[in-house]
Protein backbone atom coordinates (compact mmCIF):
# COMPACT_ATOMS: atom_id res chain seq x y z
CA MET A 1 -126.62 -189.94 -9.90
CA ALA A 2 -127.14 -192.76 -12.39
CA SER A 3 -129.34 -191.98 -15.38
CA SER A 4 -132.30 -194.13 -16.36
CA GLU A 5 -130.19 -195.53 -19.22
CA ASP A 6 -127.35 -196.34 -16.80
CA VAL A 7 -129.77 -198.32 -14.64
CA LYS A 8 -131.34 -200.15 -17.60
CA SER A 9 -127.89 -201.11 -18.90
CA LEU A 10 -127.04 -202.93 -15.64
CA PHE A 11 -129.14 -205.97 -16.51
CA PRO A 12 -127.63 -206.81 -19.93
CA ALA A 13 -124.22 -206.28 -18.28
CA MET A 14 -125.17 -208.78 -15.56
CA VAL A 15 -126.15 -211.30 -18.25
CA LYS A 16 -122.69 -210.92 -19.82
CA ARG A 17 -120.99 -211.50 -16.43
CA PHE A 18 -123.16 -214.53 -15.61
CA ASN A 19 -121.22 -217.64 -14.58
CA PRO A 20 -123.43 -220.68 -15.35
CA GLU A 21 -121.24 -223.00 -13.25
CA LYS A 22 -122.17 -221.01 -10.14
CA ALA A 23 -125.89 -221.28 -10.98
CA GLU A 24 -126.00 -225.06 -11.24
CA GLY A 25 -129.35 -226.38 -10.05
CA ILE A 26 -130.96 -222.94 -9.78
CA THR A 27 -134.25 -222.11 -11.44
CA ALA A 28 -135.49 -218.75 -10.18
CA ASN A 29 -137.18 -215.53 -11.14
CA ILE A 30 -135.69 -212.45 -9.49
CA GLN A 31 -137.54 -209.14 -9.33
CA PHE A 32 -135.75 -205.81 -8.92
CA ASP A 33 -137.91 -202.98 -7.57
CA LEU A 34 -135.81 -199.86 -7.95
CA ALA A 35 -137.11 -196.58 -6.55
CA GLY A 36 -136.58 -193.07 -7.83
CA ASP A 37 -137.00 -191.18 -11.07
CA ASN A 38 -134.40 -193.40 -12.76
CA GLY A 39 -135.82 -196.65 -11.33
CA GLY A 40 -138.51 -199.12 -12.25
CA LEU A 41 -139.21 -202.84 -12.25
CA PHE A 42 -136.67 -205.19 -13.82
CA TRP A 43 -136.18 -208.95 -13.71
CA LEU A 44 -133.71 -211.77 -14.20
CA LYS A 45 -134.76 -215.33 -14.97
CA ILE A 46 -132.23 -218.07 -14.21
CA ALA A 47 -132.91 -221.55 -15.59
CA ASP A 48 -130.94 -224.40 -17.15
CA GLY A 49 -127.58 -222.65 -16.71
CA ALA A 50 -128.71 -219.52 -18.56
CA VAL A 51 -130.04 -216.11 -17.61
CA ASP A 52 -132.44 -213.74 -19.33
CA HIS A 53 -133.43 -210.19 -18.38
CA GLY A 54 -136.23 -207.75 -18.96
CA ALA A 55 -138.22 -204.83 -17.64
CA GLY A 56 -141.54 -204.92 -15.80
CA ALA A 57 -142.98 -207.39 -13.34
CA ILE A 58 -142.20 -211.12 -13.45
CA ASP A 59 -144.48 -213.91 -12.23
CA ASN A 60 -143.63 -215.79 -9.05
CA PRO A 61 -140.31 -214.20 -8.07
CA ALA A 62 -138.24 -216.35 -5.72
CA MET A 63 -136.63 -213.16 -4.51
CA THR A 64 -137.26 -209.42 -4.77
CA VAL A 65 -134.47 -206.87 -4.42
CA LYS A 66 -135.62 -203.41 -3.29
CA ALA A 67 -133.31 -200.41 -3.41
CA SER A 68 -133.06 -196.95 -4.88
CA ALA A 69 -131.91 -197.07 -8.47
CA ASP A 70 -128.78 -195.13 -7.50
CA ASP A 71 -127.89 -197.56 -4.70
CA TRP A 72 -128.46 -200.60 -6.94
CA HIS A 73 -126.31 -198.99 -9.64
CA ALA A 74 -123.54 -198.50 -7.07
CA VAL A 75 -123.81 -202.15 -5.92
CA ALA A 76 -123.98 -203.59 -9.45
CA THR A 77 -120.97 -201.58 -10.62
CA GLY A 78 -118.83 -202.41 -7.57
CA GLN A 79 -118.89 -198.91 -6.11
CA MET A 80 -120.79 -200.15 -3.03
CA ASN A 81 -120.42 -203.46 -1.22
CA ALA A 82 -123.65 -205.47 -1.44
CA MET A 83 -123.41 -206.82 2.11
CA GLN A 84 -122.77 -203.34 3.50
CA ALA A 85 -125.73 -201.98 1.51
CA PHE A 86 -127.91 -204.78 2.95
CA MET A 87 -126.72 -204.25 6.52
CA THR A 88 -127.36 -200.49 6.36
CA GLY A 89 -130.84 -200.93 4.87
CA LYS A 90 -130.00 -199.48 1.46
CA LEU A 91 -130.72 -202.86 -0.11
CA LYS A 92 -133.63 -205.04 0.99
CA VAL A 93 -134.16 -208.65 -0.02
CA LEU A 94 -137.55 -210.31 0.20
CA GLY A 95 -137.81 -214.05 -0.30
CA ASP A 96 -135.04 -216.62 -0.80
CA MET A 97 -132.03 -215.36 1.18
CA SER A 98 -129.84 -218.30 0.10
CA LEU A 99 -130.39 -217.23 -3.50
CA ALA A 100 -129.41 -213.68 -2.55
CA MET A 101 -126.13 -214.96 -1.10
CA ARG A 102 -125.35 -216.85 -4.32
CA LEU A 103 -126.06 -213.86 -6.58
CA GLN A 104 -122.65 -212.32 -5.94
CA THR A 105 -120.85 -215.41 -7.17
CA MET A 106 -123.15 -215.91 -10.18
CA PHE A 107 -122.62 -212.35 -11.39
CA ALA A 108 -119.04 -211.70 -10.29
CA GLN A 109 -117.52 -208.34 -11.23
C-alpha cells in the first residue's frame, strides 16, 4: 500500500516527466480525486507548454480522474497499465476523453 507521502510525491514526479512537445495546444485543468486514507484531491494545470501541480480542488477541470490512491500510485509508477485499469473500472475518467488519451504521452515513464 502506498503511503500518503508516496501519493503526494506522484505529482511533482509527473511535472518532471512532462514532455511539452506532446502538450502543444493544450490548456486544461485536470482534477485527481483519489479515494482512501492515503488519498485526497490533487490537480495538474497544463498551459503554454508547461505544467503545474497542487493539492485540493481546481476550478473548471476539463477532466477528472477517479481512482483509489493505491491504484493511481500503481498506474503512475508503471506497476499497472492505465488502459487496463480503465477497462476494469479501477480508474474512471470524467470529462475530456481525448485529453485522457494524450496524458500517457505527455507524462511518459
